[in-house]
Amino acid sequence: MRLRFPQHQAMTMFAVLGLVSSLCGASPQEGRTPRPQPQPLRDAPVPREVQTPGSGPASFRGPEGRTARPGPAQRSVDPFRPRVARLDYYPGTRVVVPPAWVRCSSFPDMGYWRHRDLMAEIQWLSRRGFIPVTSLGDTVDALTDYVQTPAGWRAYGVAVPPGGTVQVEVQHAKLGWFRLMLVDKWGQPGPGMLQAAIAHQPVMVTYKNPGTEATAVYVIVDDPAWWSDARDPYTLLVRRDWDPARTDLSQVKMVAGLWGASPSVSAEFRGPSLTGPAVYPH
């Protein structure tokens, strides 16, 4: 019997060619899993405004539940951060009792004095009351005293005539721990005080009144380690180039600007006579 091999082979080849043709003619994207297309983002929910009594329509409730006002102009109530929660006042006055500083336990260097910013301290205290100051009379040329603890500093006021020069020096056995500061009635280094303000650690300051009227200057004795006390006080020397007996400075208001009178009950004054505003009954 004769087989029809050629016919069967031809049919097989036609089937293979048809399959190859169908595969080659297919689209390149056919048979692939389609990629997900990006979907448009939905709008983020807008924070709902919450009306609070007295806040008005422009206020909203912040994440901590505090009422705030939107916009870039956020005003700070106090530019100086408070160091203490509350302040004490001298009885019957608005003169503040200077709050405590941490007592200095190592020899102070420039970095320490920069950190102990009494200028900012005075400005912060002045927003809550007056800064205590002890007025020195025209006849007082020396005194022994010690700083208030735990604040570690004390301020004195001196009247200076126009064109007059006053020199104030502090003396103590541990003088390297002290410094003097010279400021005006607003607690800032005024005209003629720049040299004392930029000095690293002055223990003697000199001021010449550049104005045409008598004025008051304020000297701060800073003793952060509290080396001065009743048993070992410092000595403050006041040297003037004018004759107090022939110069009338009664019109100078020592308690002015941010300063309030607080005579030092620990001071012992020396001079030709114990008269004037520096005398305080012991």
C-alpha atoms as a PDB file:
ATOM      1  CA  MET A   1       0.000   0.000   0.000  1.00  0.00           C
ATOM      2  CA  ARG A   2       1.409   3.430  -0.965  1.00  0.00           C
ATOM      3  CA  LEU A   3       1.400   6.194   1.682  1.00  0.00           C
ATOM      4  CA  ARG A   4       0.586   9.802   0.790  1.00  0.00           C
ATOM      5  CA  PHE A   5       3.478  11.265   2.717  1.00  0.00           C
ATOM      6  CA  PRO A   6       3.985  14.307   0.534  1.00  0.00           C
ATOM      7  CA  GLN A   7       0.376  15.411   0.908  1.00  0.00           C
ATOM      8  CA  HIS A   8       0.472  15.021   4.704  1.00  0.00           C
ATOM      9  CA  GLN A   9       3.805  16.897   4.848  1.00  0.00           C
ATOM     10  CA  ALA A  10       2.396  19.719   2.788  1.00  0.00           C
ATOM     11  CA  MET A  11      -0.593  20.120   5.097  1.00  0.00           C
ATOM     12  CA  THR A  12       1.685  20.232   8.149  1.00  0.00           C
ATOM     13  CA  MET A  13       3.869  22.929   6.610  1.00  0.00           C
ATOM     14  CA  PHE A  14       0.779  25.023   5.757  1.00  0.00           C
ATOM     15  CA  ALA A  15      -0.359  24.800   9.382  1.00  0.00           C
ATOM     16  CA  VAL A  16       3.057  25.921  10.684  1.00  0.00           C
ATOM     17  CA  LEU A  17       3.222  28.805   8.217  1.00  0.00           C
ATOM     18  CA  GLY A  18      -0.260  29.940   9.238  1.00  0.00           C
ATOM     19  CA  LEU A  19       0.670  29.947  12.898  1.00  0.00           C
ATOM     20  CA  VAL A  20       3.866  31.945  12.255  1.00  0.00           C
ATOM     21  CA  SER A  21       1.950  34.421  10.158  1.00  0.00           C
ATOM     22  CA  SER A  22      -0.608  35.002  12.884  1.00  0.00           C
ATOM     23  CA  LEU A  23       2.118  35.576  15.450  1.00  0.00           C
ATOM     24  CA  CYS A  24       4.097  37.987  13.279  1.00  0.00           C
ATOM     25  CA  GLY A  25       1.074  40.017  12.370  1.00  0.00           C
ATOM     26  CA  ALA A  26      -0.007  40.604  15.947  1.00  0.00           C
ATOM     27  CA  SER A  27       0.334  44.092  17.519  1.00  0.00           C
ATOM     28  CA  PRO A  28       3.404  44.574  19.800  1.00  0.00           C
ATOM     29  CA  GLN A  29       1.134  45.624  22.673  1.00  0.00           C
ATOM     30  CA  GLU A  30      -1.048  42.562  22.436  1.00  0.00           C
ATOM     31  CA  GLY A  31      -0.527  39.904  25.062  1.00  0.00           C
ATOM     32  CA  ARG A  32       1.055  42.415  27.579  1.00  0.00           C
ATOM     33  CA  THR A  33      -0.410  43.480  30.882  1.00  0.00           C
ATOM     34  CA  PRO A  34      -1.519  47.130  30.595  1.00  0.00           C
ATOM     35  CA  ARG A  35       0.326  49.609  32.899  1.00  0.00           C
ATOM     36  CA  PRO A  36      -1.754  51.646  35.321  1.00  0.00           C
ATOM     37  CA  GLN A  37      -2.254  55.232  34.175  1.00  0.00           C
ATOM     38  CA  PRO A  38      -1.759  58.166  36.639  1.00  0.00           C
ATOM     39  CA  GLN A  39      -4.970  59.450  38.082  1.00  0.00           C
ATOM     40  CA  PRO A  40      -5.598  63.162  38.820  1.00  0.00           C
ATOM     41  CA  LEU A  41      -5.028  64.059  42.486  1.00  0.00           C
ATOM     42  CA  ARG A  42      -7.931  65.134  44.560  1.00  0.00           C
ATOM     43  CA  ASP A  43      -7.823  68.516  46.256  1.00  0.00           C
ATOM     44  CA  ALA A  44      -6.489  68.409  49.828  1.00  0.00           C
ATOM     45  CA  PRO A  45      -9.112  69.160  52.435  1.00  0.00           C
ATOM     46  CA  VAL A  46      -9.054  72.768  53.596  1.00  0.00           C
ATOM     47  CA  PRO A  47      -8.875  73.234  57.399  1.00  0.00           C
ATOM     48  CA  ARG A  48     -12.250  74.186  58.696  1.00  0.00           C
ATOM     49  CA  GLU A  49     -12.437  77.547  60.367  1.00  0.00           C
ATOM     50  CA  VAL A  50     -13.609  77.510  63.925  1.00  0.00           C
ATOM     51  CA  GLN A  51     -15.191  80.623  65.278  1.00  0.00           C
ATOM     52  CA  THR A  52     -14.185  81.570  68.803  1.00  0.00           C
ATOM     53  CA  PRO A  53     -15.646  84.339  70.915  1.00  0.00           C
ATOM     54  CA  GLY A  54     -13.933  87.594  70.121  1.00  0.00           C
ATOM     55  CA  SER A  55     -11.618  86.099  67.511  1.00  0.00           C
ATOM     56  CA  GLY A  56     -13.511  87.257  64.421  1.00  0.00           C
ATOM     57  CA  PRO A  57     -13.833  85.536  61.063  1.00  0.00           C
ATOM     58  CA  ALA A  58     -10.056  85.619  60.343  1.00  0.00           C
ATOM     59  CA  SER A  59      -9.050  83.393  63.243  1.00  0.00           C
ATOM     60  CA  PHE A  60      -8.733  79.624  63.273  1.00  0.00           C
ATOM     61  CA  ARG A  61      -7.926  76.928  65.763  1.00  0.00           C
ATOM     62  CA  GLY A  62      -4.335  75.707  65.608  1.00  0.00           C
ATOM     63  CA  PRO A  63      -3.094  72.158  66.094  1.00  0.00           C
ATOM     64  CA  GLU A  64      -2.725  72.657  69.853  1.00  0.00           C
ATOM     65  CA  GLY A  65      -6.138  74.177  70.269  1.00  0.00           C
ATOM     66  CA  ARG A  66      -4.824  77.748  70.540  1.00  0.00           C
ATOM     67  CA  THR A  67      -6.396  80.559  68.607  1.00  0.00           C
ATOM     68  CA  ALA A  68      -4.081  82.155  66.078  1.00  0.00           C
ATOM     69  CA  ARG A  69      -4.351  84.563  63.196  1.00  0.00           C
ATOM     70  CA  PRO A  70      -3.223  83.428  59.748  1.00  0.00           C
ATOM     71  CA  GLY A  71      -0.727  85.370  57.689  1.00  0.00           C
ATOM     72  CA  PRO A  72       3.007  86.041  57.782  1.00  0.00           C
ATOM     73  CA  ALA A  73       2.845  88.921  60.284  1.00  0.00           C
ATOM     74  CA  GLN A  74       3.013  87.130  63.626  1.00  0.00           C
ATOM     75  CA  ARG A  75       3.791  89.606  66.428  1.00  0.00           C
ATOM     76  CA  SER A  76       5.682  88.465  69.498  1.00  0.00           C
ATOM     77  CA  VAL A  77       4.285  89.675  72.781  1.00  0.00           C
ATOM     78  CA  ASP A  78       7.702  89.710  74.492  1.00  0.00           C
ATOM     79  CA  PRO A  79      11.017  89.659  72.587  1.00  0.00           C
ATOM     80  CA  PHE A  80      12.839  88.452  75.703  1.00  0.00           C
ATOM     81  CA  ARG A  81      12.082  85.011  76.986  1.00  0.00           C
ATOM     82  CA  PRO A  82      11.238  85.091  80.689  1.00  0.00           C
ATOM     83  CA  ARG A  83      13.747  83.323  82.879  1.00  0.00           C
ATOM     84  CA  VAL A  84      11.400  83.005  85.841  1.00  0.00           C
ATOM     85  CA  ALA A  85       7.707  82.299  86.225  1.00  0.00           C
ATOM     86  CA  ARG A  86       7.005  85.212  88.591  1.00  0.00           C
ATOM     87  CA  LEU A  87       8.664  88.322  89.969  1.00  0.00           C
ATOM     88  CA  ASP A  88       8.699  89.826  93.443  1.00  0.00           C
ATOM     89  CA  TYR A  89       8.426  93.538  94.195  1.00  0.00           C
ATOM     90  CA  TYR A  90       9.633  95.662  97.036  1.00  0.00           C
ATOM     91  CA  PRO A  91       6.685  96.274  99.401  1.00  0.00           C
ATOM     92  CA  GLY A  92       4.500  99.177  98.335  1.00  0.00           C
ATOM     93  CA  THR A  93       6.423  99.851  95.103  1.00  0.00           C
ATOM     94  CA  ARG A  94       6.653  98.724  91.507  1.00  0.00           C
ATOM     95  CA  VAL A  95      10.405  98.162  91.871  1.00  0.00           C
ATOM     96  CA  VAL A  96      11.215  94.576  90.984  1.00  0.00           C
ATOM     97  CA  VAL A  97      13.463  92.318  93.020  1.00  0.00           C
ATOM     98  CA  PRO A  98      16.071  91.058  90.521  1.00  0.00           C
ATOM     99  CA  PRO A  99      15.593  87.308  90.019  1.00  0.00           C
ATOM    100  CA  ALA A 100      18.262  84.701  90.607  1.00  0.00           C
ATOM    101  CA  TRP A 101      21.048  83.720  88.262  1.00  0.00           C
ATOM    102  CA  VAL A 102      22.919  80.447  88.580  1.00  0.00           C
ATOM    103  CA  ARG A 103      25.975  81.118  90.711  1.00  0.00           C
ATOM    104  CA  CYS A 104      29.220  81.193  88.750  1.00  0.00           C
ATOM    105  CA  SER A 105      31.460  78.322  89.858  1.00  0.00           C
ATOM    106  CA  SER A 106      34.435  78.745  87.505  1.00  0.00           C
ATOM    107  CA  PHE A 107      36.574  81.733  86.586  1.00  0.00           C
ATOM    108  CA  PRO A 108      34.511  83.798  84.110  1.00  0.00           C
ATOM    109  CA  ASP A 109      35.892  84.256  80.611  1.00  0.00           C
ATOM    110  CA  MET A 110      34.655  86.245  77.643  1.00  0.00           C
ATOM    111  CA  GLY A 111      32.183  83.534  76.681  1.00  0.00           C
ATOM    112  CA  TYR A 112      30.683  83.561  80.146  1.00  0.00           C
ATOM    113  CA  TRP A 113      30.224  87.347  80.215  1.00  0.00           C
ATOM    114  CA  ARG A 114      28.582  87.177  76.805  1.00  0.00           C
ATOM    115  CA  HIS A 115      26.164  84.554  78.086  1.00  0.00           C
ATOM    116  CA  ARG A 116      25.395  86.593  81.209  1.00  0.00           C
ATOM    117  CA  ASP A 117      23.584  89.325  79.299  1.00  0.00           C
ATOM    118  CA  LEU A 118      22.521  91.817  81.964  1.00  0.00           C
ATOM    119  CA  MET A 119      21.530  94.313  79.279  1.00  0.00           C
ATOM    120  CA  ALA A 120      18.789  92.007  78.057  1.00  0.00           C
ATOM    121  CA  GLU A 121      17.914  91.178  81.661  1.00  0.00           C
ATOM    122  CA  ILE A 122      17.380  94.842  82.526  1.00  0.00           C
ATOM    123  CA  GLN A 123      15.289  95.423  79.423  1.00  0.00           C
ATOM    124  CA  TRP A 124      13.132  92.410  80.246  1.00  0.00           C
ATOM    125  CA  LEU A 125      12.667  93.461  83.876  1.00  0.00           C
ATOM    126  CA  SER A 126      11.766  97.012  82.848  1.00  0.00           C
ATOM    127  CA  ARG A 127       8.667  95.658  81.105  1.00  0.00           C
ATOM    128  CA  ARG A 128       7.323  94.519  84.473  1.00  0.00           C
ATOM    129  CA  GLY A 129       8.437  97.298  86.778  1.00  0.00           C
ATOM    130  CA  PHE A 130      11.350  99.542  87.694  1.00  0.00           C
ATOM    131  CA  ILE A 131      14.982  98.491  88.107  1.00  0.00           C
ATOM    132  CA  PRO A 132      16.310  99.053  91.652  1.00  0.00           C
ATOM    133  CA  VAL A 133      19.053 101.679  91.895  1.00  0.00           C
ATOM    134  CA  THR A 134      20.870 103.321  94.813  1.00  0.00           C
ATOM    135  CA  SER A 135      21.576 107.018  94.296  1.00  0.00           C
ATOM    136  CA  LEU A 136      25.013 108.290  95.313  1.00  0.00           C
ATOM    137  CA  GLY A 137      25.087 111.804  96.736  1.00  0.00           C
ATOM    138  CA  ASP A 138      27.480 114.445  95.456  1.00  0.00           C
ATOM    139  CA  THR A 139      29.582 114.211  98.612  1.00  0.00           C
ATOM    140  CA  VAL A 140      30.028 110.444  98.560  1.00  0.00           C
ATOM    141  CA  ASP A 141      33.401 109.440  97.162  1.00  0.00           C
ATOM    142  CA  ALA A 142      33.570 105.833  98.438  1.00  0.00           C
ATOM    143  CA  LEU A 143      31.316 103.113  99.734  1.00  0.00           C
ATOM    144  CA  THR A 144      31.501  99.487 100.803  1.00  0.00           C
ATOM    145  CA  ASP A 145      28.670  97.224  99.776  1.00  0.00           C
ATOM    146  CA  TYR A 146      27.850  93.794  98.362  1.00  0.00           C
ATOM    147  CA  VAL A 147      25.616  92.606  95.556  1.00  0.00           C
ATOM    148  CA  GLN A 148      22.114  91.306  95.925  1.00  0.00           C
ATOM    149  CA  THR A 149      21.937  87.545  96.021  1.00  0.00           C
ATOM    150  CA  PRO A 150      20.964  85.431  94.222  1.00  0.00           C
ATOM    151  CA  ALA A 151      20.908  88.006  91.410  1.00  0.00           C
ATOM    152  CA  GLY A 152      24.615  88.822  91.800  1.00  0.00           C
ATOM    153  CA  TRP A 153      24.549  92.505  90.797  1.00  0.00           C
ATOM    154  CA  ARG A 154      23.667  95.953  92.141  1.00  0.00           C
ATOM    155  CA  ALA A 155      23.204  99.348  90.451  1.00  0.00           C
ATOM    156  CA  TYR A 156      24.169 102.871  91.546  1.00  0.00           C
ATOM    157  CA  GLY A 157      23.303 106.275  90.116  1.00  0.00           C
ATOM    158  CA  VAL A 158      25.722 109.210  89.833  1.00  0.00           C
ATOM    159  CA  ALA A 159      24.895 112.769  88.722  1.00  0.00           C
ATOM    160  CA  VAL A 160      27.361 114.401  86.309  1.00  0.00           C
ATOM    161  CA  PRO A 161      27.389 118.101  85.287  1.00  0.00           C
ATOM    162  CA  PRO A 162      27.842 119.145  81.631  1.00  0.00           C
ATOM    163  CA  GLY A 163      31.440 118.572  80.605  1.00  0.00           C
ATOM    164  CA  GLY A 164      32.191 116.834  83.900  1.00  0.00           C
ATOM    165  CA  THR A 165      34.118 113.571  84.158  1.00  0.00           C
ATOM    166  CA  VAL A 166      33.481 110.854  86.719  1.00  0.00           C
ATOM    167  CA  GLN A 167      35.525 107.724  87.284  1.00  0.00           C
ATOM    168  CA  VAL A 168      34.160 104.701  89.153  1.00  0.00           C
ATOM    169  CA  GLU A 169      36.373 101.824  90.295  1.00  0.00           C
ATOM    170  CA  VAL A 170      35.554  98.609  92.142  1.00  0.00           C
ATOM    171  CA  GLN A 171      38.066  97.013  94.496  1.00  0.00           C
ATOM    172  CA  HIS A 172      37.995  93.551  96.017  1.00  0.00           C
ATOM    173  CA  ALA A 173      40.392  90.769  96.974  1.00  0.00           C
ATOM    174  CA  LYS A 174      38.999  88.611  94.114  1.00  0.00           C
ATOM    175  CA  LEU A 175      38.819  91.394  91.555  1.00  0.00           C
ATOM    176  CA  GLY A 176      39.098  89.040  88.576  1.00  0.00           C
ATOM    177  CA  TRP A 177      35.557  87.843  89.209  1.00  0.00           C
ATOM    178  CA  PHE A 178      34.019  91.341  88.990  1.00  0.00           C
ATOM    179  CA  ARG A 179      33.072  93.728  86.220  1.00  0.00           C
ATOM    180  CA  LEU A 180      31.462  97.170  85.941  1.00  0.00           C
ATOM    181  CA  MET A 181      28.825  98.254  83.438  1.00  0.00           C
ATOM    182  CA  LEU A 182      27.855 101.822  82.572  1.00  0.00           C
ATOM    183  CA  VAL A 183      24.400 102.606  81.140  1.00  0.00           C
ATOM    184  CA  ASP A 184      21.984 105.510  80.739  1.00  0.00           C
ATOM    185  CA  LYS A 185      18.466 105.923  82.106  1.00  0.00           C
ATOM    186  CA  TRP A 186      17.142 103.468  79.509  1.00  0.00           C
ATOM    187  CA  GLY A 187      19.586 100.722  80.425  1.00  0.00           C
ATOM    188  CA  GLN A 188      21.709 101.187  77.284  1.00  0.00           C
ATOM    189  CA  PRO A 189      25.284 102.414  76.718  1.00  0.00           C
ATOM    190  CA  GLY A 190      24.589 106.060  75.953  1.00  0.00           C
ATOM    191  CA  PRO A 191      26.908 108.713  74.467  1.00  0.00           C
ATOM    192  CA  GLY A 192      30.308 108.653  76.143  1.00  0.00           C
ATOM    193  CA  MET A 193      29.807 105.090  77.475  1.00  0.00           C
ATOM    194  CA  LEU A 194      30.913 103.021  74.482  1.00  0.00           C
ATOM    195  CA  GLN A 195      34.417 102.372  75.765  1.00  0.00           C
ATOM    196  CA  ALA A 196      33.056 100.862  78.970  1.00  0.00           C
ATOM    197  CA  ALA A 197      30.471  98.864  77.009  1.00  0.00           C
ATOM    198  CA  ILE A 198      32.911  97.147  74.624  1.00  0.00           C
ATOM    199  CA  ALA A 199      35.590  96.383  77.215  1.00  0.00           C
ATOM    200  CA  HIS A 200      36.010  92.702  78.033  1.00  0.00           C
ATOM    201  CA  GLN A 201      35.891  92.952  81.812  1.00  0.00           C
ATOM    202  CA  PRO A 202      36.284  96.503  83.100  1.00  0.00           C
ATOM    203  CA  VAL A 203      36.761  97.098  86.813  1.00  0.00           C
ATOM    204  CA  MET A 204      37.098 100.850  86.311  1.00  0.00           C
ATOM    205  CA  VAL A 205      34.912 102.977  84.023  1.00  0.00           C
ATOM    206  CA  THR A 206      35.249 106.628  83.072  1.00  0.00           C
ATOM    207  CA  TYR A 207      32.469 108.838  81.768  1.00  0.00           C
ATOM    208  CA  LYS A 208      32.584 112.405  80.463  1.00  0.00           C
ATOM    209  CA  ASN A 209      29.252 114.119  79.953  1.00  0.00           C
ATOM    210  CA  PRO A 210      29.242 115.261  76.311  1.00  0.00           C
ATOM    211  CA  GLY A 211      25.962 117.154  76.658  1.00  0.00           C
ATOM    212  CA  THR A 212      25.128 120.700  77.685  1.00  0.00           C
ATOM    213  CA  GLU A 213      22.946 119.644  80.632  1.00  0.00           C
ATOM    214  CA  ALA A 214      23.597 117.699  83.786  1.00  0.00           C
ATOM    215  CA  THR A 215      22.606 114.060  83.600  1.00  0.00           C
ATOM    216  CA  ALA A 216      22.658 110.826  85.564  1.00  0.00           C
ATOM    217  CA  VAL A 217      24.619 107.701  84.732  1.00  0.00           C
ATOM    218  CA  TYR A 218      24.138 104.275  86.232  1.00  0.00           C
ATOM    219  CA  VAL A 219      26.951 101.954  87.258  1.00  0.00           C
ATOM    220  CA  ILE A 220      26.272  98.233  87.689  1.00  0.00           C
ATOM    221  CA  VAL A 221      28.564  96.147  89.857  1.00  0.00           C
ATOM    222  CA  ASP A 222      28.435  92.552  88.635  1.00  0.00           C
ATOM    223  CA  ASP A 223      29.639  89.784  90.958  1.00  0.00           C
ATOM    224  CA  PRO A 224      28.238  86.517  89.511  1.00  0.00           C
ATOM    225  CA  ALA A 225      30.134  84.268  91.973  1.00  0.00           C
ATOM    226  CA  TRP A 226      28.824  86.190  95.027  1.00  0.00           C
ATOM    227  CA  TRP A 227      32.291  86.761  96.437  1.00  0.00           C
ATOM    228  CA  SER A 228      31.113  89.972  98.090  1.00  0.00           C
ATOM    229  CA  ASP A 229      29.088  89.678 101.277  1.00  0.00           C
ATOM    230  CA  ALA A 230      28.744  91.375 104.656  1.00  0.00           C
ATOM    231  CA  ARG A 231      32.070  89.921 105.842  1.00  0.00           C
ATOM    232  CA  ASP A 232      33.961  90.686 102.619  1.00  0.00           C
ATOM    233  CA  PRO A 233      32.324  93.626 100.798  1.00  0.00           C
ATOM    234  CA  TYR A 234      33.686  95.369  97.744  1.00  0.00           C
ATOM    235  CA  THR A 235      34.736  99.025  97.743  1.00  0.00           C
ATOM    236  CA  LEU A 236      33.376 101.381  95.125  1.00  0.00           C
ATOM    237  CA  LEU A 237      35.442 104.553  94.576  1.00  0.00           C
ATOM    238  CA  VAL A 238      33.910 107.608  92.893  1.00  0.00           C
ATOM    239  CA  ARG A 239      36.315 110.264  91.569  1.00  0.00           C
ATOM    240  CA  ARG A 240      34.979 113.559  90.184  1.00  0.00           C
ATOM    241  CA  ASP A 241      36.793 116.366  88.382  1.00  0.00           C
ATOM    242  CA  TRP A 242      34.453 119.063  89.744  1.00  0.00           C
ATOM    243  CA  ASP A 243      33.886 120.518  93.165  1.00  0.00           C
ATOM    244  CA  PRO A 244      30.538 119.230  94.474  1.00  0.00           C
ATOM    245  CA  ALA A 245      30.297 122.203  96.847  1.00  0.00           C
ATOM    246  CA  ARG A 246      30.284 124.609  93.888  1.00  0.00           C
ATOM    247  CA  THR A 247      28.161 122.558  91.478  1.00  0.00           C
ATOM    248  CA  ASP A 248      24.398 122.404  91.782  1.00  0.00           C
ATOM    249  CA  LEU A 249      23.078 119.022  90.638  1.00  0.00           C
ATOM    250  CA  SER A 250      19.801 119.119  92.539  1.00  0.00           C
ATOM    251  CA  GLN A 251      17.819 119.249  89.290  1.00  0.00           C
ATOM    252  CA  VAL A 252      19.108 115.860  88.128  1.00  0.00           C
ATOM    253  CA  LYS A 253      16.443 113.197  88.458  1.00  0.00           C
ATOM    254  CA  MET A 254      18.256 110.085  89.531  1.00  0.00           C
ATOM    255  CA  VAL A 255      15.080 107.994  89.397  1.00  0.00           C
ATOM    256  CA  ALA A 256      14.250 108.353  85.698  1.00  0.00           C
ATOM    257  CA  GLY A 257      13.611 106.168  82.692  1.00  0.00           C
ATOM    258  CA  LEU A 258      13.420 102.571  83.843  1.00  0.00           C
ATOM    259  CA  TRP A 259      15.096 103.061  87.243  1.00  0.00           C
ATOM    260  CA  GLY A 260      13.306 103.043  90.585  1.00  0.00           C
ATOM    261  CA  ALA A 261      14.750 104.088  93.943  1.00  0.00           C
ATOM    262  CA  SER A 262      15.890 101.265  96.195  1.00  0.00           C
ATOM    263  CA  PRO A 263      18.604 102.472  98.624  1.00  0.00           C
ATOM    264  CA  SER A 264      21.054  99.792  99.660  1.00  0.00           C
ATOM    265  CA  VAL A 265      20.661  99.090 103.376  1.00  0.00           C
ATOM    266  CA  SER A 266      23.988  97.247 103.299  1.00  0.00           C
ATOM    267  CA  ALA A 267      26.098 100.131 101.977  1.00  0.00           C
ATOM    268  CA  GLU A 268      28.445 102.175 104.149  1.00  0.00           C
ATOM    269  CA  PHE A 269      29.185 105.543 102.551  1.00  0.00           C
ATOM    270  CA  ARG A 270      32.335 107.582 103.043  1.00  0.00           C
ATOM    271  CA  GLY A 271      33.005 111.163 102.049  1.00  0.00           C
ATOM    272  CA  PRO A 272      33.338 114.671 103.420  1.00  0.00           C
ATOM    273  CA  SER A 273      29.883 114.312 104.969  1.00  0.00           C
ATOM    274  CA  LEU A 274      27.050 111.803 104.964  1.00  0.00           C
ATOM    275  CA  THR A 275      24.352 113.985 103.467  1.00  0.00           C
ATOM    276  CA  GLY A 276      22.240 113.826 100.362  1.00  0.00           C
ATOM    277  CA  PRO A 277      20.227 111.060  98.694  1.00  0.00           C
ATOM    278  CA  ALA A 278      22.881 108.419  99.375  1.00  0.00           C
ATOM    279  CA  VAL A 279      22.140 108.407 103.086  1.00  0.00           C
ATOM    280  CA  TYR A 280      19.679 105.723 104.092  1.00  0.00           C
ATOM    281  CA  PRO A 281      18.698 105.084 107.723  1.00  0.00           C
ATOM    282  CA  HIS A 282      20.116 101.795 108.992  1.00  0.00           C
END
